[in-house]
């Protein structure tokens, strides 16, 4: 069985990392898996970039932008069928298609002779333009009058009703099976334009050997962190992105008791972590972008608590990484976060947008060491039982075989 994944990148971005992990899991199960991506960062004969005609696509992009429609300029997507990876594939697996490399109108022609699994990594596939709709539910009825034109991927003109209809037409003329990685997103998909499609819940998997609890004293020694510190950790690709809630975290940390502030240290992973220390009066260790699984596992293991103040998320790979390393979590009760942060079991769920409640969660878990130890054990046990990479791969293999046999 030969699987071709089509994704924004191989390792750059959350959807890319999730897709690459699945690719690795399939290879470990003896499945021939390959990636065709918008931006390739790794050197492998199993990974190739989507062929592009940049000059023409840039010119067409200006027309797209004036109409408030994204990605229709990527005409090279219709030529993917000529690529050897595509021709040798038995089944396709689409991942994140909303990046500057793919035209979703090509899906019907690409799936005419090869069936496809569409793994959703956010809400974009069934909205009129946005990847996260927050409280807006106009995607259920056809969009239009969009309240979030500036939400990624942003548009300058409200033609969300047209894009919604174009996507709906596209899927109706395609051979697709939908996969959702979170319980929350699965419920949203059932209310969307995909409601009549086969929808499967398969959570993302993680390498529980690469991400496992390490000796805290050694990890802190590697990072030059004193053992007497109360260590918090916050990670995201871009810490300044509004959706990730960095501003809410700052508010929460500012409310911490002074006695706790003096003992605390905040580790940040990702771009934009500079300056938090001066704002909240807490010592900060900014590691920047970290691609190494080993270094990330060291950072998670060095932390007493992982804080995730996201305003909207369908899963949260960093939460899964933290869980596998046995590090309890504090987050807001939003979206698919609740799959991983289980209140009183693996962490603390604060009321959405409530920085004071978020602060209370931090204080409770840092001050009650017995509670923190119990949650740490729960995190690791759940990661091993529900999210090992080989389990995810086996679930996909079963789905692929069922689709091919049908």
Protein backbone atom coordinates (compact mmCIF):
# COMPACT_ATOMS: atom_id res chain seq x y z
CA UNK A 1 0.00 0.00 0.00
CA UNK A 2 1.43 3.34 -1.11
CA UNK A 3 0.23 6.50 0.68
CA UNK A 4 0.85 10.06 -0.53
CA UNK A 5 0.42 12.88 2.00
CA UNK A 6 -0.17 16.38 0.64
CA UNK A 7 0.61 19.05 3.22
CA UNK A 8 1.86 22.61 3.66
CA UNK A 9 5.31 21.44 4.78
CA UNK A 10 7.11 18.43 6.14
CA UNK A 11 8.04 19.88 9.56
CA UNK A 12 7.25 23.63 9.60
CA UNK A 13 4.02 24.25 11.55
CA UNK A 14 1.70 22.21 13.74
CA UNK A 15 -0.17 20.52 10.88
CA UNK A 16 3.14 19.71 9.22
CA UNK A 17 4.55 18.13 12.39
CA UNK A 18 1.38 16.09 12.89
CA UNK A 19 1.44 14.89 9.29
CA UNK A 20 5.15 14.05 9.46
CA UNK A 21 4.65 12.03 12.64
CA UNK A 22 1.91 10.03 10.94
CA UNK A 23 4.26 9.49 7.98
CA UNK A 24 6.93 8.14 10.36
CA UNK A 25 4.38 5.95 12.12
CA UNK A 26 3.27 4.42 8.81
CA UNK A 27 6.85 3.72 7.75
CA UNK A 28 7.44 1.95 11.08
CA UNK A 29 4.45 -0.28 10.25
CA UNK A 30 5.94 -1.20 6.87
CA UNK A 31 3.70 1.10 4.82
CA UNK A 32 5.16 2.93 1.81
CA UNK A 33 4.49 6.57 2.76
CA UNK A 34 5.60 9.74 0.94
CA UNK A 35 5.06 13.48 1.29
CA UNK A 36 4.37 16.10 -1.39
CA UNK A 37 4.55 19.50 0.31
CA UNK A 38 4.48 23.22 -0.30
CA UNK A 39 7.76 23.78 1.54
CA UNK A 40 10.26 20.97 2.16
CA UNK A 41 12.71 21.46 5.03
CA UNK A 42 14.19 17.96 5.34
CA UNK A 43 16.29 16.01 2.85
CA UNK A 44 14.65 12.69 2.01
CA UNK A 45 13.84 10.72 -1.13
CA UNK A 46 10.34 10.29 0.33
CA UNK A 47 9.70 14.05 0.46
CA UNK A 48 9.26 16.38 -2.52
CA UNK A 49 7.97 19.90 -3.11
CA UNK A 50 4.84 20.55 -5.14
CA UNK A 51 5.94 21.81 -8.60
CA UNK A 52 4.99 25.46 -8.98
CA UNK A 53 4.69 28.15 -11.65
CA UNK A 54 5.50 31.07 -9.35
CA UNK A 55 5.39 33.86 -11.96
CA UNK A 56 1.88 33.11 -13.20
CA UNK A 57 0.57 32.31 -9.73
CA UNK A 58 1.82 35.62 -8.34
CA UNK A 59 0.04 37.52 -11.12
CA UNK A 60 -3.18 35.60 -10.54
CA UNK A 61 -2.80 36.13 -6.81
CA UNK A 62 -3.35 39.87 -7.23
CA UNK A 63 -6.70 39.14 -8.89
CA UNK A 64 -7.61 36.71 -6.11
CA UNK A 65 -6.79 39.27 -3.44
CA UNK A 66 -9.00 41.93 -5.04
CA UNK A 67 -11.95 39.53 -4.93
CA UNK A 68 -11.30 38.36 -1.36
CA UNK A 69 -10.71 34.76 -2.43
CA UNK A 70 -7.66 32.82 -1.31
CA UNK A 71 -5.51 30.21 -3.10
CA UNK A 72 -7.40 29.94 -6.40
CA UNK A 73 -4.30 31.30 -8.15
CA UNK A 74 -2.33 28.11 -7.49
CA UNK A 75 -3.02 26.52 -10.87
CA UNK A 76 -0.01 24.19 -10.47
CA UNK A 77 -2.14 22.04 -8.15
CA UNK A 78 -3.88 20.62 -11.23
CA UNK A 79 -0.50 19.22 -12.38
CA UNK A 80 0.14 17.22 -9.19
CA UNK A 81 -1.33 14.19 -10.96
CA UNK A 82 1.74 14.16 -13.23
CA UNK A 83 4.16 13.79 -10.31
CA UNK A 84 5.65 10.27 -9.85
CA UNK A 85 4.66 10.27 -6.16
CA UNK A 86 1.03 10.77 -7.18
CA UNK A 87 1.09 8.22 -9.99
CA UNK A 88 2.53 5.52 -7.69
CA UNK A 89 0.10 6.20 -4.82
CA UNK A 90 -2.83 3.95 -3.98
CA UNK A 91 -4.51 6.56 -1.81
CA UNK A 92 -4.04 10.25 -1.01
CA UNK A 93 -4.07 11.88 2.41
CA UNK A 94 -4.72 15.62 2.36
CA UNK A 95 -3.66 17.63 5.40
CA UNK A 96 -3.36 21.41 5.68
CA UNK A 97 -4.38 22.84 2.28
CA UNK A 98 -4.68 26.49 3.28
CA UNK A 99 -1.18 27.72 2.66
CA UNK A 100 0.31 29.41 -0.38
CA UNK A 101 0.80 26.23 -2.40
CA UNK A 102 -2.55 24.56 -3.13
CA UNK A 103 -5.81 25.26 -4.96
CA UNK A 104 -8.70 23.35 -3.38
CA UNK A 105 -10.57 23.37 -6.71
CA UNK A 106 -8.08 20.71 -7.87
CA UNK A 107 -9.39 18.14 -5.37
CA UNK A 108 -12.08 16.66 -7.70
CA UNK A 109 -9.58 15.95 -10.49
CA UNK A 110 -6.98 14.56 -8.06
CA UNK A 111 -9.50 12.20 -6.44
CA UNK A 112 -11.20 11.08 -9.65
CA UNK A 113 -9.14 7.90 -9.81
CA UNK A 114 -7.46 7.87 -6.40
CA UNK A 115 -9.55 8.10 -3.19
CA UNK A 116 -8.43 10.50 -0.49
CA UNK A 117 -8.49 10.87 3.26
CA UNK A 118 -8.80 14.50 4.35
CA UNK A 119 -7.23 14.96 7.81
CA UNK A 120 -8.52 18.23 9.27
CA UNK A 121 -6.14 20.31 11.36
CA UNK A 122 -8.48 23.28 11.96
CA UNK A 123 -11.82 24.62 10.70
CA UNK A 124 -10.72 26.14 7.38
CA UNK A 125 -11.99 23.29 5.19
CA UNK A 126 -15.64 24.05 5.99
CA UNK A 127 -15.66 27.83 6.53
CA UNK A 128 -15.83 30.75 4.11
CA UNK A 129 -12.18 31.65 4.77
CA UNK A 130 -11.08 31.40 8.43
CA UNK A 131 -9.14 28.64 10.14
CA UNK A 132 -10.85 29.35 13.50
CA UNK A 133 -14.31 30.89 13.73
CA UNK A 134 -14.35 31.52 17.51
CA UNK A 135 -17.99 32.15 18.52
CA UNK A 136 -19.21 32.68 14.93
CA UNK A 137 -21.22 29.77 13.54
CA UNK A 138 -22.17 31.19 10.15
CA UNK A 139 -20.19 28.35 8.54
CA UNK A 140 -23.14 26.10 9.39
CA UNK A 141 -25.44 27.98 7.01
CA UNK A 142 -23.15 29.29 4.25
CA UNK A 143 -21.12 32.17 5.74
CA UNK A 144 -21.38 35.76 4.47
CA UNK A 145 -21.26 38.93 6.60
CA UNK A 146 -18.01 37.67 8.14
CA UNK A 147 -17.13 39.28 11.52
CA UNK A 148 -13.48 38.17 11.29
CA UNK A 149 -12.08 39.23 7.91
CA UNK A 150 -8.65 39.79 9.48
CA UNK A 151 -8.49 36.29 10.97
CA UNK A 152 -5.97 34.02 9.24
CA UNK A 153 -6.08 33.54 6.34
CA UNK A 154 -7.21 37.15 6.10
CA UNK A 155 -9.22 38.65 3.25
CA UNK A 156 -9.85 42.25 2.23
CA UNK A 157 -13.32 41.74 0.74
CA UNK A 158 -16.15 39.69 2.18
CA UNK A 159 -16.81 36.98 -0.39
CA UNK A 160 -16.98 34.28 2.28
CA UNK A 161 -20.33 33.10 0.96
CA UNK A 162 -18.78 32.46 -2.46
CA UNK A 163 -15.79 30.62 -1.00
CA UNK A 164 -18.11 28.51 1.16
CA UNK A 165 -20.10 27.52 -1.94
CA UNK A 166 -16.95 26.79 -3.94
CA UNK A 167 -15.68 24.47 -1.22
CA UNK A 168 -19.05 22.76 -0.93
CA UNK A 169 -19.19 22.19 -4.70
CA UNK A 170 -15.61 20.90 -4.65
CA UNK A 171 -16.26 18.30 -1.98
CA UNK A 172 -19.49 17.13 -3.62
CA UNK A 173 -17.47 16.28 -6.72
CA UNK A 174 -14.63 14.59 -4.83
CA UNK A 175 -13.92 11.14 -3.37
CA UNK A 176 -13.18 12.04 0.26
CA UNK A 177 -13.22 10.44 3.70
CA UNK A 178 -12.89 12.87 6.60
CA UNK A 179 -10.65 12.37 9.65
CA UNK A 180 -10.84 14.60 12.73
CA UNK A 181 -8.14 14.45 15.44
CA UNK A 182 -10.29 15.74 18.31
CA UNK A 183 -13.71 14.99 19.77
CA UNK A 184 -14.66 18.68 19.68
CA UNK A 185 -13.74 19.12 16.01
CA UNK A 186 -15.62 15.93 15.13
CA UNK A 187 -18.80 17.47 16.55
CA UNK A 188 -18.24 20.65 14.51
CA UNK A 189 -17.63 18.66 11.32
CA UNK A 190 -20.94 16.84 11.79
CA UNK A 191 -22.70 20.23 11.66
CA UNK A 192 -20.77 21.44 8.63
CA UNK A 193 -20.94 20.90 4.86
CA UNK A 194 -19.27 17.52 5.59
CA UNK A 195 -22.28 16.24 7.55
CA UNK A 196 -23.16 13.61 4.93
CA UNK A 197 -19.60 12.29 4.59
CA UNK A 198 -17.92 9.41 6.40
CA UNK A 199 -16.27 11.09 9.41
CA UNK A 200 -13.69 9.26 11.50
CA UNK A 201 -12.18 10.31 14.82
CA UNK A 202 -8.46 9.43 14.94
CA UNK A 203 -6.38 11.50 17.39
CA UNK A 204 -2.83 12.52 16.56
CA UNK A 205 -0.14 10.14 17.75
CA UNK A 206 3.16 10.86 19.45
CA UNK A 207 6.43 8.98 19.86
CA UNK A 208 6.24 8.15 23.57
CA UNK A 209 9.90 7.11 23.57
CA UNK A 210 11.10 10.48 22.27
CA UNK A 211 8.67 12.26 24.61
CA UNK A 212 8.89 10.69 28.05
CA UNK A 213 9.54 11.92 31.61
CA UNK A 214 13.25 12.56 32.20
CA UNK A 215 15.05 13.13 35.49
CA UNK A 216 14.10 16.65 36.54
CA UNK A 217 17.42 17.54 38.21
CA UNK A 218 19.44 16.56 35.14
CA UNK A 219 17.09 18.44 32.81
CA UNK A 220 17.34 21.59 34.90
CA UNK A 221 21.11 21.22 35.01
CA UNK A 222 21.21 21.08 31.19
CA UNK A 223 19.14 24.28 31.01
CA UNK A 224 21.02 25.92 33.91
CA UNK A 225 17.86 26.20 36.05
CA UNK A 226 18.18 26.06 39.87
CA UNK A 227 16.38 23.09 41.44
CA UNK A 228 14.52 25.30 43.93
CA UNK A 229 12.59 27.13 41.20
CA UNK A 230 8.89 26.69 40.36
CA UNK A 231 9.17 26.23 36.62
CA UNK A 232 6.39 27.11 34.16
CA UNK A 233 6.58 26.53 30.42
CA UNK A 234 4.75 28.14 27.49
CA UNK A 235 5.21 27.05 23.89
CA UNK A 236 3.82 28.01 20.48
CA UNK A 237 5.24 28.65 17.02
CA UNK A 238 4.49 32.37 17.47
CA UNK A 239 4.00 33.43 21.09
CA UNK A 240 2.64 36.81 19.98
CA UNK A 241 -0.22 35.36 17.93
CA UNK A 242 -3.48 36.56 19.45
CA UNK A 243 -5.10 33.12 19.21
CA UNK A 244 -2.37 31.63 21.38
CA UNK A 245 -3.33 34.00 24.22
CA UNK A 246 0.07 35.34 25.25
CA UNK A 247 -1.63 38.52 26.50
CA UNK A 248 -3.91 36.46 28.74
CA UNK A 249 -0.91 34.60 30.13
CA UNK A 250 0.78 37.89 30.98
CA UNK A 251 -2.35 39.01 32.83
CA UNK A 252 -2.48 35.72 34.74
CA UNK A 253 1.20 35.83 35.70
CA UNK A 254 0.92 39.43 36.86
CA UNK A 255 -1.73 38.29 39.37
CA UNK A 256 0.45 35.61 40.95
CA UNK A 257 1.30 36.15 44.64
CA UNK A 258 4.62 37.92 45.03
CA UNK A 259 5.97 35.01 47.09
CA UNK A 260 5.33 32.68 44.14
CA UNK A 261 6.69 35.14 41.58
CA UNK A 262 10.02 35.26 43.38
CA UNK A 263 10.31 31.46 43.13
CA UNK A 264 9.04 31.14 39.56
CA UNK A 265 10.84 30.79 36.26
CA UNK A 266 9.13 30.74 32.86
CA UNK A 267 10.53 28.72 29.94
CA UNK A 268 9.27 29.87 26.52
CA UNK A 269 9.49 27.87 23.29
CA UNK A 270 8.82 29.65 20.01
CA UNK A 271 9.26 33.05 18.44
CA UNK A 272 8.36 36.23 20.32
CA UNK A 273 9.10 35.23 23.90
CA UNK A 274 11.46 38.14 24.53
CA UNK A 275 10.28 40.80 26.92
CA UNK A 276 7.82 38.71 28.96
CA UNK A 277 10.16 38.79 31.96
CA UNK A 278 10.14 42.58 32.16
CA UNK A 279 6.35 42.69 31.79
CA UNK A 280 5.46 40.19 34.52
CA UNK A 281 8.46 40.40 36.84
CA UNK A 282 9.31 36.70 36.50
CA UNK A 283 12.66 35.27 35.46
CA UNK A 284 12.40 33.92 31.91
CA UNK A 285 14.40 31.46 29.84
CA UNK A 286 13.59 31.95 26.15
CA UNK A 287 14.70 28.95 24.07
CA UNK A 288 13.26 30.30 20.80
CA UNK A 289 12.36 27.83 18.06
CA UNK A 290 13.30 24.28 19.04
CA UNK A 291 13.11 21.54 16.43
CA UNK A 292 14.82 18.80 18.42
CA UNK A 293 12.45 16.33 20.08
CA UNK A 294 15.14 15.57 22.66
CA UNK A 295 15.60 19.21 23.71
CA UNK A 296 11.84 19.72 23.89
CA UNK A 297 11.48 16.64 26.09
CA UNK A 298 14.21 18.05 28.37
CA UNK A 299 12.35 21.36 28.62
CA UNK A 300 8.99 19.71 29.38
CA UNK A 301 10.62 17.47 31.99
CA UNK A 302 12.31 20.45 33.63
CA UNK A 303 8.94 22.20 34.05
CA UNK A 304 6.51 21.75 36.92
CA UNK A 305 3.64 22.98 34.80
CA UNK A 306 2.85 23.68 31.15
CA UNK A 307 0.63 26.73 30.57
CA UNK A 308 -1.45 26.98 27.39
CA UNK A 309 -3.65 30.11 27.28
CA UNK A 310 -5.01 29.49 23.77
CA UNK A 311 -8.26 31.18 22.76
CA UNK A 312 -9.06 28.44 20.24
CA UNK A 313 -7.44 25.13 19.29
CA UNK A 314 -8.64 21.87 17.83
CA UNK A 315 -6.07 19.71 19.66
CA UNK A 316 -2.73 21.21 20.72
CA UNK A 317 0.39 19.21 19.85
CA UNK A 318 2.36 20.94 22.61
CA UNK A 319 -0.23 19.73 25.12
CA UNK A 320 0.24 16.19 23.86
CA UNK A 321 4.02 16.55 24.14
CA UNK A 322 3.68 17.88 27.68
CA UNK A 323 1.32 15.03 28.60
CA UNK A 324 3.73 12.39 27.25
CA UNK A 325 6.52 13.92 29.38
CA UNK A 326 4.32 13.74 32.47
CA UNK A 327 3.98 17.52 32.88
CA UNK A 328 0.52 18.73 34.11
CA UNK A 329 -1.17 21.55 32.20
CA UNK A 330 -3.25 24.66 32.76
CA UNK A 331 -5.39 25.88 29.88
CA UNK A 332 -8.71 27.45 29.00
CA UNK A 333 -11.75 25.26 28.38
CA UNK A 334 -11.88 25.78 24.62
CA UNK A 335 -12.19 23.51 21.57
CA UNK A 336 -10.23 20.30 21.45
CA UNK A 337 -8.01 21.33 24.37
CA UNK A 338 -10.36 19.40 26.65
CA UNK A 339 -9.33 16.11 24.99
CA UNK A 340 -5.92 16.48 26.62
CA UNK A 341 -6.36 18.83 29.58
CA UNK A 342 -8.84 16.93 31.73
CA UNK A 343 -9.82 19.00 34.73
CA UNK A 344 -8.56 17.50 37.96
CA UNK A 345 -6.97 14.58 36.10
CA UNK A 346 -4.21 15.91 33.84
CA UNK A 347 -4.48 19.61 34.63
CA UNK A 348 -6.69 22.62 35.29
CA UNK A 349 -9.26 24.05 32.86
CA UNK A 350 -10.01 27.74 33.39
CA UNK A 351 -13.05 29.58 32.10
CA UNK A 352 -12.34 31.03 28.63
CA UNK A 353 -10.74 34.51 28.64
CA UNK A 354 -10.64 34.49 32.47
CA UNK A 355 -7.03 35.35 33.37
CA UNK A 356 -7.90 35.34 37.08
CA UNK A 357 -9.16 31.74 36.90
CA UNK A 358 -6.07 30.80 34.88
CA UNK A 359 -3.92 32.29 37.64
CA UNK A 360 -5.84 30.27 40.23
CA UNK A 361 -5.05 27.10 38.31
CA UNK A 362 -1.34 27.87 38.27
CA UNK A 363 -1.31 28.58 42.00
CA UNK A 364 -3.30 25.45 42.86
CA UNK A 365 -1.08 23.07 40.88
CA UNK A 366 2.21 24.64 41.97
CA UNK A 367 1.36 24.74 45.66
CA UNK A 368 -0.19 21.26 45.94
CA UNK A 369 2.75 18.97 45.18
CA UNK A 370 0.75 15.81 45.87
CA UNK A 371 -1.88 16.89 43.31
CA UNK A 372 0.84 17.73 40.80
CA UNK A 373 2.49 14.32 41.24
CA UNK A 374 -0.82 12.51 40.75
CA UNK A 375 -1.57 14.52 37.61
CA UNK A 376 1.92 13.82 36.28
CA UNK A 377 1.33 10.08 36.58
CA UNK A 378 -2.09 10.42 34.94
CA UNK A 379 -0.58 12.38 32.03
CA UNK A 380 1.96 9.70 31.23
CA UNK A 381 -0.52 6.83 31.63
CA UNK A 382 -3.08 8.45 29.30
CA UNK A 383 -0.40 9.27 26.71
CA UNK A 384 0.70 5.63 26.66
CA UNK A 385 -2.84 4.28 26.50
CA UNK A 386 -4.53 6.68 24.07
CA UNK A 387 -1.92 8.48 21.96
CA UNK A 388 1.04 6.23 21.03
CA UNK A 389 2.15 6.74 17.43
CA UNK A 390 1.81 3.09 16.49
CA UNK A 391 -1.86 3.11 17.56
CA UNK A 392 -2.58 6.13 15.33
CA UNK A 393 -0.75 4.51 12.41
CA UNK A 394 -2.70 1.24 12.79
CA UNK A 395 -6.00 3.13 12.84
CA UNK A 396 -5.08 4.95 9.61
CA UNK A 397 -3.91 1.73 7.95
CA UNK A 398 -7.24 0.10 8.78
CA UNK A 399 -9.07 3.09 7.29
CA UNK A 400 -6.89 3.17 4.16
CA UNK A 401 -7.51 -0.54 3.54
CA UNK A 402 -11.24 -0.17 4.01
CA UNK A 403 -11.36 2.71 1.51
CA UNK A 404 -9.24 0.88 -1.08
CA UNK A 405 -11.27 -2.32 -0.72
CA UNK A 406 -14.48 -0.37 -1.29
